[in-house]
Amino acid sequence: MPKLKRISGEEAIKRLEKLGFKQIRRRGSHVVLKKQTSEGEIGCVVPLHKELAIGALRGILKQAKLTVEEFSKV
């Protein structure tokens, strides 16, 4: 299992967009992304920090219903 590395909020958004998520809105320093799936709509919130904490990144992946492997491949 690959380890998560610290990345910026912008980098996380770019990777999520490559996985099919679209930016819905931006308010202050947070961006809301959503993706339509067969089970319904999946949404996640990404803070625009220079460096995301590993725990925050794990929370984003949990919201997005992605594994570390899926996220790291992109």
C-alpha atoms as a PDB file:
ATOM      1  CA  MET A   1       0.000   0.000   0.000  1.00  0.00           C
ATOM      2  CA  PRO A   2       1.549   3.325  -1.043  1.00  0.00           C
ATOM      3  CA  LYS A   3       1.970   5.982   1.601  1.00  0.00           C
ATOM      4  CA  LEU A   4       0.285   9.325   1.242  1.00  0.00           C
ATOM      5  CA  LYS A   5       2.625  12.227   0.682  1.00  0.00           C
ATOM      6  CA  ARG A   6       1.924  15.804   1.652  1.00  0.00           C
ATOM      7  CA  ILE A   7       0.588  17.704  -1.343  1.00  0.00           C
ATOM      8  CA  SER A   8      -1.059  21.077  -1.840  1.00  0.00           C
ATOM      9  CA  GLY A   9      -4.794  21.601  -2.059  1.00  0.00           C
ATOM     10  CA  GLU A  10      -4.422  22.583  -5.730  1.00  0.00           C
ATOM     11  CA  GLU A  11      -2.597  19.309  -6.488  1.00  0.00           C
ATOM     12  CA  ALA A  12      -5.335  17.314  -4.731  1.00  0.00           C
ATOM     13  CA  ILE A  13      -7.978  19.111  -6.812  1.00  0.00           C
ATOM     14  CA  LYS A  14      -6.099  18.362 -10.053  1.00  0.00           C
ATOM     15  CA  ARG A  15      -5.900  14.656  -9.172  1.00  0.00           C
ATOM     16  CA  LEU A  16      -9.577  14.493  -8.203  1.00  0.00           C
ATOM     17  CA  GLU A  17     -10.542  16.186 -11.476  1.00  0.00           C
ATOM     18  CA  LYS A  18      -8.585  13.538 -13.388  1.00  0.00           C
ATOM     19  CA  LEU A  19     -10.692  10.955 -11.511  1.00  0.00           C
ATOM     20  CA  GLY A  20     -13.923  12.540 -12.762  1.00  0.00           C
ATOM     21  CA  PHE A  21     -14.749  15.111 -10.088  1.00  0.00           C
ATOM     22  CA  LYS A  22     -15.882  18.606 -11.125  1.00  0.00           C
ATOM     23  CA  GLN A  23     -15.579  21.841  -9.187  1.00  0.00           C
ATOM     24  CA  ILE A  24     -19.021  22.991  -8.091  1.00  0.00           C
ATOM     25  CA  ARG A  25     -18.139  26.060  -6.057  1.00  0.00           C
ATOM     26  CA  ARG A  26     -15.348  27.857  -4.273  1.00  0.00           C
ATOM     27  CA  ARG A  27     -15.915  29.803  -1.088  1.00  0.00           C
ATOM     28  CA  GLY A  28     -13.009  31.408   0.664  1.00  0.00           C
ATOM     29  CA  SER A  29     -10.239  28.851   0.898  1.00  0.00           C
ATOM     30  CA  HIS A  30     -12.384  25.746   0.264  1.00  0.00           C
ATOM     31  CA  VAL A  31     -13.437  24.086  -2.998  1.00  0.00           C
ATOM     32  CA  VAL A  32     -16.406  21.717  -3.285  1.00  0.00           C
ATOM     33  CA  LEU A  33     -16.082  18.936  -5.874  1.00  0.00           C
ATOM     34  CA  LYS A  34     -18.742  16.452  -6.961  1.00  0.00           C
ATOM     35  CA  LYS A  35     -18.941  13.360  -9.130  1.00  0.00           C
ATOM     36  CA  GLN A  36     -22.009  11.523 -10.406  1.00  0.00           C
ATOM     37  CA  THR A  37     -21.868   7.714 -10.006  1.00  0.00           C
ATOM     38  CA  SER A  38     -24.315   4.852 -10.404  1.00  0.00           C
ATOM     39  CA  GLU A  39     -24.891   4.896  -6.617  1.00  0.00           C
ATOM     40  CA  GLY A  40     -25.578   8.661  -6.585  1.00  0.00           C
ATOM     41  CA  GLU A  41     -23.615  11.843  -6.168  1.00  0.00           C
ATOM     42  CA  ILE A  42     -20.304  11.900  -4.294  1.00  0.00           C
ATOM     43  CA  GLY A  43     -18.983  15.160  -2.934  1.00  0.00           C
ATOM     44  CA  CYS A  44     -15.863  16.294  -1.129  1.00  0.00           C
ATOM     45  CA  VAL A  45     -14.400  19.533   0.200  1.00  0.00           C
ATOM     46  CA  VAL A  46     -10.742  20.437  -0.369  1.00  0.00           C
ATOM     47  CA  PRO A  47      -9.052  23.300   1.496  1.00  0.00           C
ATOM     48  CA  LEU A  48      -6.692  25.400  -0.617  1.00  0.00           C
ATOM     49  CA  HIS A  49      -3.707  25.095   1.702  1.00  0.00           C
ATOM     50  CA  LYS A  50      -0.090  25.069   0.534  1.00  0.00           C
ATOM     51  CA  GLU A  51       0.340  21.703   2.226  1.00  0.00           C
ATOM     52  CA  LEU A  52      -2.466  19.381   3.342  1.00  0.00           C
ATOM     53  CA  ALA A  53      -1.977  17.361   6.503  1.00  0.00           C
ATOM     54  CA  ILE A  54      -2.018  13.590   5.942  1.00  0.00           C
ATOM     55  CA  GLY A  55      -5.143  13.265   8.112  1.00  0.00           C
ATOM     56  CA  ALA A  56      -6.943  15.945   6.090  1.00  0.00           C
ATOM     57  CA  LEU A  57      -6.003  14.198   2.850  1.00  0.00           C
ATOM     58  CA  ARG A  58      -7.290  10.875   4.228  1.00  0.00           C
ATOM     59  CA  GLY A  59     -10.561  12.599   5.128  1.00  0.00           C
ATOM     60  CA  ILE A  60     -10.868  13.963   1.590  1.00  0.00           C
ATOM     61  CA  LEU A  61     -10.287  10.490   0.139  1.00  0.00           C
ATOM     62  CA  LYS A  62     -12.883   9.032   2.518  1.00  0.00           C
ATOM     63  CA  GLN A  63     -15.443  11.645   1.402  1.00  0.00           C
ATOM     64  CA  ALA A  64     -14.574  10.926  -2.241  1.00  0.00           C
ATOM     65  CA  LYS A  65     -14.814   7.140  -1.639  1.00  0.00           C
ATOM     66  CA  LEU A  66     -11.341   6.586  -3.078  1.00  0.00           C
ATOM     67  CA  THR A  67      -8.513   4.362  -1.937  1.00  0.00           C
ATOM     68  CA  VAL A  68      -4.945   5.577  -1.498  1.00  0.00           C
ATOM     69  CA  GLU A  69      -3.943   3.408  -4.476  1.00  0.00           C
ATOM     70  CA  GLU A  70      -6.546   4.980  -6.787  1.00  0.00           C
ATOM     71  CA  PHE A  71      -5.528   8.479  -5.751  1.00  0.00           C
ATOM     72  CA  SER A  72      -1.778   7.797  -5.996  1.00  0.00           C
ATOM     73  CA  LYS A  73      -2.003   6.334  -9.528  1.00  0.00           C
ATOM     74  CA  VAL A  74      -3.109   9.642 -11.015  1.00  0.00           C
END
